[in-house]
C-alpha atoms as a PDB file:
ATOM      1  CA  MET A   1     -17.137  59.376   3.025  1.00  0.00           C
ATOM      2  CA  SER A   2     -19.501  56.205   2.657  1.00  0.00           C
ATOM      3  CA  SER A   3     -22.139  56.407   0.293  1.00  0.00           C
ATOM      4  CA  LEU A   4     -25.054  57.045   2.696  1.00  0.00           C
ATOM      5  CA  ASN A   5     -25.034  58.005   6.357  1.00  0.00           C
ATOM      6  CA  VAL A   6     -27.652  58.253   8.494  1.00  0.00           C
ATOM      7  CA  CYS A   7     -28.210  59.381  12.294  1.00  0.00           C
ATOM      8  CA  VAL A   8     -31.222  59.940  14.369  1.00  0.00           C
ATOM      9  CA  LEU A   9     -30.696  63.196  16.063  1.00  0.00           C
ATOM     10  CA  ALA A  10     -33.919  62.880  18.257  1.00  0.00           C
ATOM     11  CA  SER A  11     -36.827  60.471  18.482  1.00  0.00           C
ATOM     12  CA  GLY A  12     -40.175  60.154  20.768  1.00  0.00           C
ATOM     13  CA  SER A  13     -43.054  62.004  21.711  1.00  0.00           C
ATOM     14  CA  LYS A  14     -41.132  65.281  22.533  1.00  0.00           C
ATOM     15  CA  GLY A  15     -39.369  65.855  19.148  1.00  0.00           C
ATOM     16  CA  ASN A  16     -37.882  63.942  16.290  1.00  0.00           C
ATOM     17  CA  SER A  17     -35.289  64.730  13.804  1.00  0.00           C
ATOM     18  CA  THR A  18     -32.993  62.626  11.605  1.00  0.00           C
ATOM     19  CA  TYR A  19     -29.824  63.546   9.555  1.00  0.00           C
ATOM     20  CA  ILE A  20     -29.236  61.768   6.389  1.00  0.00           C
ATOM     21  CA  ALA A  21     -26.218  62.391   4.017  1.00  0.00           C
ATOM     22  CA  SER A  22     -24.600  61.409   1.107  1.00  0.00           C
ATOM     23  CA  PRO A  23     -20.963  62.597   0.069  1.00  0.00           C
ATOM     24  CA  ASN A  24     -22.702  65.547  -2.015  1.00  0.00           C
ATOM     25  CA  THR A  25     -25.918  66.149  -0.022  1.00  0.00           C
ATOM     26  CA  LYS A  26     -27.296  66.646   3.497  1.00  0.00           C
ATOM     27  CA  ILE A  27     -30.844  66.616   4.757  1.00  0.00           C
ATOM     28  CA  LEU A  28     -33.010  66.291   7.450  1.00  0.00           C
ATOM     29  CA  ILE A  29     -36.107  64.694   7.795  1.00  0.00           C
ATOM     30  CA  ASP A  30     -38.248  66.672  10.545  1.00  0.00           C
ATOM     31  CA  MET A  31     -37.175  69.341  12.716  1.00  0.00           C
ATOM     32  CA  GLY A  32     -39.040  68.602  15.839  1.00  0.00           C
ATOM     33  CA  MET A  33     -36.324  69.981  18.349  1.00  0.00           C
ATOM     34  CA  THR A  34     -35.116  73.388  19.175  1.00  0.00           C
ATOM     35  CA  CYS A  35     -33.057  74.761  16.847  1.00  0.00           C
ATOM     36  CA  SER A  36     -30.142  75.049  18.861  1.00  0.00           C
ATOM     37  CA  TYR A  37     -30.518  71.220  19.857  1.00  0.00           C
ATOM     38  CA  ILE A  38     -30.505  70.290  16.276  1.00  0.00           C
ATOM     39  CA  VAL A  39     -27.420  72.642  15.465  1.00  0.00           C
ATOM     40  CA  ASN A  40     -25.577  71.060  18.493  1.00  0.00           C
ATOM     41  CA  LYS A  41     -26.246  67.256  17.335  1.00  0.00           C
ATOM     42  CA  LEU A  42     -25.180  68.428  13.944  1.00  0.00           C
ATOM     43  CA  LYS A  43     -21.739  69.965  15.372  1.00  0.00           C
ATOM     44  CA  SER A  44     -21.222  66.670  17.171  1.00  0.00           C
ATOM     45  CA  LEU A  45     -21.174  65.103  13.522  1.00  0.00           C
ATOM     46  CA  GLU A  46     -18.851  67.735  12.338  1.00  0.00           C
ATOM     47  CA  VAL A  47     -21.735  69.425  10.120  1.00  0.00           C
ATOM     48  CA  ASN A  48     -22.175  73.006   9.787  1.00  0.00           C
ATOM     49  CA  PRO A  49     -26.003  73.622   9.666  1.00  0.00           C
ATOM     50  CA  ASN A  50     -25.375  76.081   6.693  1.00  0.00           C
ATOM     51  CA  GLU A  51     -24.559  73.086   4.862  1.00  0.00           C
ATOM     52  CA  ILE A  52     -27.882  71.146   4.996  1.00  0.00           C
ATOM     53  CA  ASP A  53     -29.420  71.191   1.536  1.00  0.00           C
ATOM     54  CA  GLY A  54     -32.794  70.370   2.510  1.00  0.00           C
ATOM     55  CA  ILE A  55     -35.570  69.579   5.099  1.00  0.00           C
ATOM     56  CA  LEU A  56     -38.386  66.874   4.580  1.00  0.00           C
ATOM     57  CA  ILE A  57     -41.171  67.025   6.808  1.00  0.00           C
ATOM     58  CA  SER A  58     -43.366  63.856   7.698  1.00  0.00           C
ATOM     59  CA  HIS A  59     -46.168  65.817   8.909  1.00  0.00           C
ATOM     60  CA  THR A  60     -46.825  69.272  10.461  1.00  0.00           C
ATOM     61  CA  HIS A  61     -47.396  68.247  14.402  1.00  0.00           C
ATOM     62  CA  SER A  62     -45.234  69.967  16.866  1.00  0.00           C
ATOM     63  CA  ASP A  63     -42.976  67.243  18.026  1.00  0.00           C
ATOM     64  CA  HIS A  64     -41.887  67.282  14.026  1.00  0.00           C
ATOM     65  CA  ILE A  65     -41.425  70.938  13.248  1.00  0.00           C
ATOM     66  CA  ALA A  66     -41.090  72.580  16.775  1.00  0.00           C
ATOM     67  CA  GLY A  67     -37.409  74.099  15.781  1.00  0.00           C
ATOM     68  CA  LEU A  68     -38.414  74.813  11.722  1.00  0.00           C
ATOM     69  CA  LYS A  69     -39.193  78.514  12.028  1.00  0.00           C
ATOM     70  CA  VAL A  70     -35.777  79.340  13.714  1.00  0.00           C
ATOM     71  CA  PHE A  71     -33.733  77.012  11.747  1.00  0.00           C
ATOM     72  CA  LEU A  72     -35.328  78.374   8.276  1.00  0.00           C
ATOM     73  CA  LYS A  73     -34.568  81.768   9.399  1.00  0.00           C
ATOM     74  CA  LYS A  74     -31.148  81.430  10.328  1.00  0.00           C
ATOM     75  CA  TYR A  75     -29.933  78.919   7.515  1.00  0.00           C
ATOM     76  CA  ASN A  76     -32.514  79.120   4.886  1.00  0.00           C
ATOM     77  CA  PRO A  77     -32.665  75.712   3.537  1.00  0.00           C
ATOM     78  CA  THR A  78     -35.142  74.605   1.031  1.00  0.00           C
ATOM     79  CA  LEU A  79     -38.180  72.736   2.494  1.00  0.00           C
ATOM     80  CA  TYR A  80     -39.723  70.039   0.724  1.00  0.00           C
ATOM     81  CA  LEU A  81     -43.439  69.113   1.722  1.00  0.00           C
ATOM     82  CA  THR A  82     -46.734  68.497   0.174  1.00  0.00           C
ATOM     83  CA  GLU A  83     -48.876  71.335  -0.412  1.00  0.00           C
ATOM     84  CA  LYS A  84     -51.411  70.338   2.592  1.00  0.00           C
ATOM     85  CA  MET A  85     -48.288  70.726   4.776  1.00  0.00           C
ATOM     86  CA  TYR A  86     -47.348  74.025   3.284  1.00  0.00           C
ATOM     87  CA  LEU A  87     -50.831  75.405   3.838  1.00  0.00           C
ATOM     88  CA  ASP A  88     -50.581  74.346   7.485  1.00  0.00           C
ATOM     89  CA  LEU A  89     -47.294  76.006   7.825  1.00  0.00           C
ATOM     90  CA  LYS A  90     -47.223  79.266   5.884  1.00  0.00           C
ATOM     91  CA  ASP A  91     -48.975  81.582   8.321  1.00  0.00           C
ATOM     92  CA  GLN A  92     -46.650  80.191  11.346  1.00  0.00           C
ATOM     93  CA  MET A  93     -43.415  80.950   9.448  1.00  0.00           C
ATOM     94  CA  THR A  94     -41.611  82.567   6.851  1.00  0.00           C
ATOM     95  CA  ILE A  95     -40.755  79.944   4.227  1.00  0.00           C
ATOM     96  CA  SER A  96     -38.845  81.518   1.634  1.00  0.00           C
ATOM     97  CA  SER A  97     -37.215  78.452  -0.056  1.00  0.00           C
ATOM     98  CA  TYR A  98     -39.569  75.585  -0.648  1.00  0.00           C
ATOM     99  CA  ILE A  99     -40.906  72.898  -3.348  1.00  0.00           C
ATOM    100  CA  ILE A 100     -43.728  70.894  -3.320  1.00  0.00           C
ATOM    101  CA  ILE A 101     -43.636  67.275  -3.561  1.00  0.00           C
ATOM    102  CA  ASP A 102     -46.041  64.846  -4.870  1.00  0.00           C
ATOM    103  CA  LYS A 103     -44.229  62.058  -6.092  1.00  0.00           C
ATOM    104  CA  GLU A 104     -40.492  60.943  -6.109  1.00  0.00           C
ATOM    105  CA  PHE A 105     -38.015  63.598  -6.551  1.00  0.00           C
ATOM    106  CA  ASN A 106     -34.334  64.279  -6.154  1.00  0.00           C
ATOM    107  CA  ILE A 107     -32.246  66.713  -3.690  1.00  0.00           C
ATOM    108  CA  LYS A 108     -28.946  66.520  -5.927  1.00  0.00           C
ATOM    109  CA  ASP A 109     -27.769  62.987  -5.632  1.00  0.00           C
ATOM    110  CA  LEU A 110     -30.347  61.616  -3.292  1.00  0.00           C
ATOM    111  CA  LYS A 111     -33.291  60.296  -4.653  1.00  0.00           C
ATOM    112  CA  ILE A 112     -36.381  60.606  -2.396  1.00  0.00           C
ATOM    113  CA  THR A 113     -39.532  58.321  -2.790  1.00  0.00           C
ATOM    114  CA  PRO A 114     -42.457  59.512  -0.624  1.00  0.00           C
ATOM    115  CA  VAL A 115     -44.650  56.735   1.073  1.00  0.00           C
ATOM    116  CA  LYS A 116     -48.069  58.050   2.276  1.00  0.00           C
ATOM    117  CA  THR A 117     -48.595  57.165   5.689  1.00  0.00           C
ATOM    118  CA  SER A 118     -51.904  57.102   7.807  1.00  0.00           C
ATOM    119  CA  HIS A 119     -51.867  59.909  10.494  1.00  0.00           C
ATOM    120  CA  ASP A 120     -54.444  62.210  12.089  1.00  0.00           C
ATOM    121  CA  ALA A 121     -52.661  65.522  10.599  1.00  0.00           C
ATOM    122  CA  SER A 122     -53.697  67.124   7.348  1.00  0.00           C
ATOM    123  CA  ASP A 123     -51.186  65.180   5.635  1.00  0.00           C
ATOM    124  CA  SER A 124     -48.361  62.733   6.339  1.00  0.00           C
ATOM    125  CA  GLN A 125     -45.514  61.015   4.427  1.00  0.00           C
ATOM    126  CA  GLY A 126     -42.617  58.535   4.920  1.00  0.00           C
ATOM    127  CA  TYR A 127     -39.620  58.734   2.931  1.00  0.00           C
ATOM    128  CA  ILE A 128     -37.391  56.319   1.238  1.00  0.00           C
ATOM    129  CA  VAL A 129     -34.125  58.062   0.509  1.00  0.00           C
ATOM    130  CA  GLU A 130     -31.566  56.438  -1.957  1.00  0.00           C
ATOM    131  CA  THR A 131     -28.211  57.072  -3.302  1.00  0.00           C
ATOM    132  CA  GLN A 132     -25.662  54.823  -5.299  1.00  0.00           C
ATOM    133  CA  GLY A 133     -27.753  51.677  -4.175  1.00  0.00           C
ATOM    134  CA  LYS A 134     -27.923  52.506  -0.697  1.00  0.00           C
ATOM    135  CA  THR A 135     -31.025  53.142   0.891  1.00  0.00           C
ATOM    136  CA  ALA A 136     -32.790  54.561   4.087  1.00  0.00           C
ATOM    137  CA  VAL A 137     -36.359  54.320   5.157  1.00  0.00           C
ATOM    138  CA  TYR A 138     -38.156  56.636   7.457  1.00  0.00           C
ATOM    139  CA  ILE A 139     -41.451  55.642   8.777  1.00  0.00           C
ATOM    140  CA  THR A 140     -43.145  57.118  11.840  1.00  0.00           C
ATOM    141  CA  ASP A 141     -46.522  58.416  12.884  1.00  0.00           C
ATOM    142  CA  THR A 142     -48.994  55.988  10.817  1.00  0.00           C
ATOM    143  CA  GLY A 143     -51.690  53.740  12.066  1.00  0.00           C
ATOM    144  CA  TYR A 144     -50.730  51.111   9.561  1.00  0.00           C
ATOM    145  CA  ILE A 145     -48.451  50.667   6.281  1.00  0.00           C
ATOM    146  CA  ASN A 146     -50.266  50.276   3.372  1.00  0.00           C
ATOM    147  CA  GLN A 147     -49.713  46.917   1.653  1.00  0.00           C
ATOM    148  CA  LYS A 148     -49.175  48.291  -1.365  1.00  0.00           C
ATOM    149  CA  ASN A 149     -46.019  49.780  -0.384  1.00  0.00           C
ATOM    150  CA  TYR A 150     -44.541  46.458   0.842  1.00  0.00           C
ATOM    151  CA  GLN A 151     -42.732  45.713  -2.431  1.00  0.00           C
ATOM    152  CA  ILE A 152     -40.651  49.254  -2.456  1.00  0.00           C
ATOM    153  CA  LEU A 153     -39.954  48.856   1.440  1.00  0.00           C
ATOM    154  CA  THR A 154     -38.459  45.387   1.455  1.00  0.00           C
ATOM    155  CA  ASN A 155     -34.856  44.662   1.776  1.00  0.00           C
ATOM    156  CA  LYS A 156     -33.475  48.372   2.572  1.00  0.00           C
ATOM    157  CA  ASN A 157     -30.479  48.964   4.229  1.00  0.00           C
ATOM    158  CA  VAL A 158     -31.787  51.207   7.056  1.00  0.00           C
ATOM    159  CA  TYR A 159     -34.956  51.461   8.756  1.00  0.00           C
ATOM    160  CA  ILE A 160     -36.141  54.385  11.077  1.00  0.00           C
ATOM    161  CA  MET A 161     -39.346  52.511  11.990  1.00  0.00           C
ATOM    162  CA  GLU A 162     -41.866  53.530  14.715  1.00  0.00           C
ATOM    163  CA  SER A 163     -42.272  51.595  17.599  1.00  0.00           C
ATOM    164  CA  ASN A 164     -44.622  53.719  19.608  1.00  0.00           C
ATOM    165  CA  HIS A 165     -46.056  51.936  22.361  1.00  0.00           C
ATOM    166  CA  ASP A 166     -47.056  48.692  24.063  1.00  0.00           C
ATOM    167  CA  ILE A 167     -50.500  48.089  23.802  1.00  0.00           C
ATOM    168  CA  THR A 168     -50.990  46.687  27.304  1.00  0.00           C
ATOM    169  CA  MET A 169     -49.272  49.735  28.819  1.00  0.00           C
ATOM    170  CA  LEU A 170     -51.277  51.971  26.824  1.00  0.00           C
ATOM    171  CA  MET A 171     -54.641  50.127  27.847  1.00  0.00           C
ATOM    172  CA  GLU A 172     -53.816  50.260  31.421  1.00  0.00           C
ATOM    173  CA  GLY A 173     -52.167  53.194  31.463  1.00  0.00           C
ATOM    174  CA  LYS A 174     -53.468  57.196  32.451  1.00  0.00           C
ATOM    175  CA  TYR A 175     -54.362  58.443  29.331  1.00  0.00           C
ATOM    176  CA  PRO A 176     -58.220  59.162  28.754  1.00  0.00           C
ATOM    177  CA  TYR A 177     -60.025  56.659  26.807  1.00  0.00           C
ATOM    178  CA  HIS A 178     -60.561  58.679  23.434  1.00  0.00           C
ATOM    179  CA  LEU A 179     -56.610  59.221  23.141  1.00  0.00           C
ATOM    180  CA  LYS A 180     -56.130  55.571  23.670  1.00  0.00           C
ATOM    181  CA  GLN A 181     -58.607  54.934  20.927  1.00  0.00           C
ATOM    182  CA  ARG A 182     -56.645  57.285  18.314  1.00  0.00           C
ATOM    183  CA  ILE A 183     -53.523  55.692  19.033  1.00  0.00           C
ATOM    184  CA  LEU A 184     -54.539  52.458  18.532  1.00  0.00           C
ATOM    185  CA  GLY A 185     -56.717  53.494  15.468  1.00  0.00           C
ATOM    186  CA  ASP A 186     -55.779  53.702  11.819  1.00  0.00           C
ATOM    187  CA  TYR A 187     -54.761  57.276  12.174  1.00  0.00           C
ATOM    188  CA  GLY A 188     -52.768  56.868  15.145  1.00  0.00           C
ATOM    189  CA  HIS A 189     -49.295  55.303  15.819  1.00  0.00           C
ATOM    190  CA  LEU A 190     -47.620  51.567  15.465  1.00  0.00           C
ATOM    191  CA  SER A 191     -47.601  49.625  18.164  1.00  0.00           C
ATOM    192  CA  ASN A 192     -44.583  47.358  19.189  1.00  0.00           C
ATOM    193  CA  HIS A 193     -46.488  44.422  17.852  1.00  0.00           C
ATOM    194  CA  ASP A 194     -47.408  46.320  14.657  1.00  0.00           C
ATOM    195  CA  SER A 195     -43.663  47.414  13.958  1.00  0.00           C
ATOM    196  CA  ALA A 196     -42.171  44.018  14.605  1.00  0.00           C
ATOM    197  CA  ASN A 197     -44.681  42.749  12.084  1.00  0.00           C
ATOM    198  CA  TYR A 198     -43.926  45.080   9.194  1.00  0.00           C
ATOM    199  CA  LEU A 199     -40.351  44.674  10.097  1.00  0.00           C
ATOM    200  CA  SER A 200     -40.201  40.879   9.830  1.00  0.00           C
ATOM    201  CA  LYS A 201     -41.549  41.257   6.611  1.00  0.00           C
ATOM    202  CA  PHE A 202     -39.360  44.067   5.462  1.00  0.00           C
ATOM    203  CA  ILE A 203     -35.836  43.106   6.571  1.00  0.00           C
ATOM    204  CA  GLY A 204     -33.742  41.285   4.018  1.00  0.00           C
ATOM    205  CA  ASN A 205     -30.158  40.272   3.208  1.00  0.00           C
ATOM    206  CA  GLU A 206     -29.234  43.915   2.449  1.00  0.00           C
ATOM    207  CA  THR A 207     -30.491  45.023   5.548  1.00  0.00           C
ATOM    208  CA  LYS A 208     -27.690  46.596   7.796  1.00  0.00           C
ATOM    209  CA  HIS A 209     -29.638  48.313  10.750  1.00  0.00           C
ATOM    210  CA  VAL A 210     -33.006  48.934  12.291  1.00  0.00           C
ATOM    211  CA  PHE A 211     -33.948  52.033  14.477  1.00  0.00           C
ATOM    212  CA  LEU A 212     -36.774  51.847  16.710  1.00  0.00           C
ATOM    213  CA  ALA A 213     -38.205  55.118  16.760  1.00  0.00           C
ATOM    214  CA  HIS A 214     -40.815  57.544  18.406  1.00  0.00           C
ATOM    215  CA  LEU A 215     -41.215  55.530  21.782  1.00  0.00           C
ATOM    216  CA  SER A 216     -43.823  56.835  23.889  1.00  0.00           C
ATOM    217  CA  GLU A 217     -42.342  57.555  27.223  1.00  0.00           C
ATOM    218  CA  GLU A 218     -45.525  56.926  29.065  1.00  0.00           C
ATOM    219  CA  ASN A 219     -46.593  53.764  27.169  1.00  0.00           C
ATOM    220  CA  ASN A 220     -43.523  51.945  26.124  1.00  0.00           C
ATOM    221  CA  THR A 221     -39.871  50.879  27.388  1.00  0.00           C
ATOM    222  CA  PRO A 222     -36.777  50.421  25.251  1.00  0.00           C
ATOM    223  CA  THR A 223     -36.570  46.691  26.433  1.00  0.00           C
ATOM    224  CA  LEU A 224     -40.435  45.925  25.442  1.00  0.00           C
ATOM    225  CA  ALA A 225     -39.930  47.487  21.907  1.00  0.00           C
ATOM    226  CA  LEU A 226     -36.645  45.739  21.172  1.00  0.00           C
ATOM    227  CA  THR A 227     -37.639  42.315  22.740  1.00  0.00           C
ATOM    228  CA  THR A 228     -41.114  42.466  20.739  1.00  0.00           C
ATOM    229  CA  LEU A 229     -39.128  42.735  17.596  1.00  0.00           C
ATOM    230  CA  GLN A 230     -36.574  40.151  18.498  1.00  0.00           C
ATOM    231  CA  GLU A 231     -39.133  37.555  19.623  1.00  0.00           C
ATOM    232  CA  LYS A 232     -41.062  38.091  16.028  1.00  0.00           C
ATOM    233  CA  LEU A 233     -37.684  37.747  14.138  1.00  0.00           C
ATOM    234  CA  LYS A 234     -36.965  34.527  15.908  1.00  0.00           C
ATOM    235  CA  GLU A 235     -40.695  33.320  15.379  1.00  0.00           C
ATOM    236  CA  LYS A 236     -39.913  34.132  11.466  1.00  0.00           C
ATOM    237  CA  ASN A 237     -36.627  32.384  11.718  1.00  0.00           C
ATOM    238  CA  ILE A 238     -34.894  35.737  10.719  1.00  0.00           C
ATOM    239  CA  GLU A 239     -31.365  36.076  12.135  1.00  0.00           C
ATOM    240  CA  PHE A 240     -30.947  39.722  12.556  1.00  0.00           C
ATOM    241  CA  ASP A 241     -29.666  41.536  15.694  1.00  0.00           C
ATOM    242  CA  SER A 242     -28.386  45.139  14.534  1.00  0.00           C
ATOM    243  CA  ILE A 243     -31.136  46.886  16.009  1.00  0.00           C
ATOM    244  CA  SER A 244     -31.091  50.248  18.364  1.00  0.00           C
ATOM    245  CA  ILE A 245     -33.524  52.458  20.079  1.00  0.00           C
ATOM    246  CA  ALA A 246     -33.693  55.997  18.874  1.00  0.00           C
ATOM    247  CA  GLU A 247     -33.505  58.133  22.199  1.00  0.00           C
ATOM    248  CA  GLN A 248     -35.220  61.453  22.856  1.00  0.00           C
ATOM    249  CA  LYS A 249     -32.534  63.657  24.035  1.00  0.00           C
ATOM    250  CA  GLU A 250     -29.373  61.757  22.704  1.00  0.00           C
ATOM    251  CA  ARG A 251     -28.534  61.069  18.947  1.00  0.00           C
ATOM    252  CA  SER A 252     -27.868  57.792  17.635  1.00  0.00           C
ATOM    253  CA  GLU A 253     -24.597  56.371  16.290  1.00  0.00           C
ATOM    254  CA  LEU A 254     -23.727  57.276  12.920  1.00  0.00           C
ATOM    255  CA  ILE A 255     -24.463  54.402  10.546  1.00  0.00           C
ATOM    256  CA  GLU A 256     -22.314  54.371   7.411  1.00  0.00           C
ATOM    257  CA  LEU A 257     -23.237  52.551   4.600  1.00  0.00           C
END
């Protein structure tokens, strides 16, 4: 097995989950689909759900935790989350094995660095996952990325990066005004334009693949998300074409580093 394997199991407005593994450790980031969906996708990767060492939570909105209660009850992996997230969840489900995180930590041979995101939840985090010099970045559900994090997010191997909406589609769409303002605001979601702008700063010589994630069904299309990034990279004279769109109900290809 390669040093680091990455597969987006589901991504979009209706549910999100990503699988990341080293030869010794298997984790999930978020559990926003049903337990049975996640188990089926893991089995398609020949992964037994009992082998999951830990689950990281980005935040506690339902599209990131919908299957968590059942999965914890059946398989009892360790849950890694901030104190505020724990307080959100402790009355909703039985959490028998958990670790409160506030800075860099390890799950066996995976080094995990939380990256504070900006979203309208009690707390929200992105993550950098590293082992044997291989790295994956997971950033979704944020209104912006703080410039102080640019350095640690630059030139990583794989990015799972939110590209939630096309601004024109959102503004001309049927969402009520207050919801449009929420999505566009500092505690909302990254637009295609925002995502492309950040990725054009972060992609480097070591970058092998980019997943555009958490696309809105109402206010985006895969073509728009992809084209926006391609045009921004061309504008910056960056030659990079290993980009895929993470889908809502199909797992991605398995990226092996």
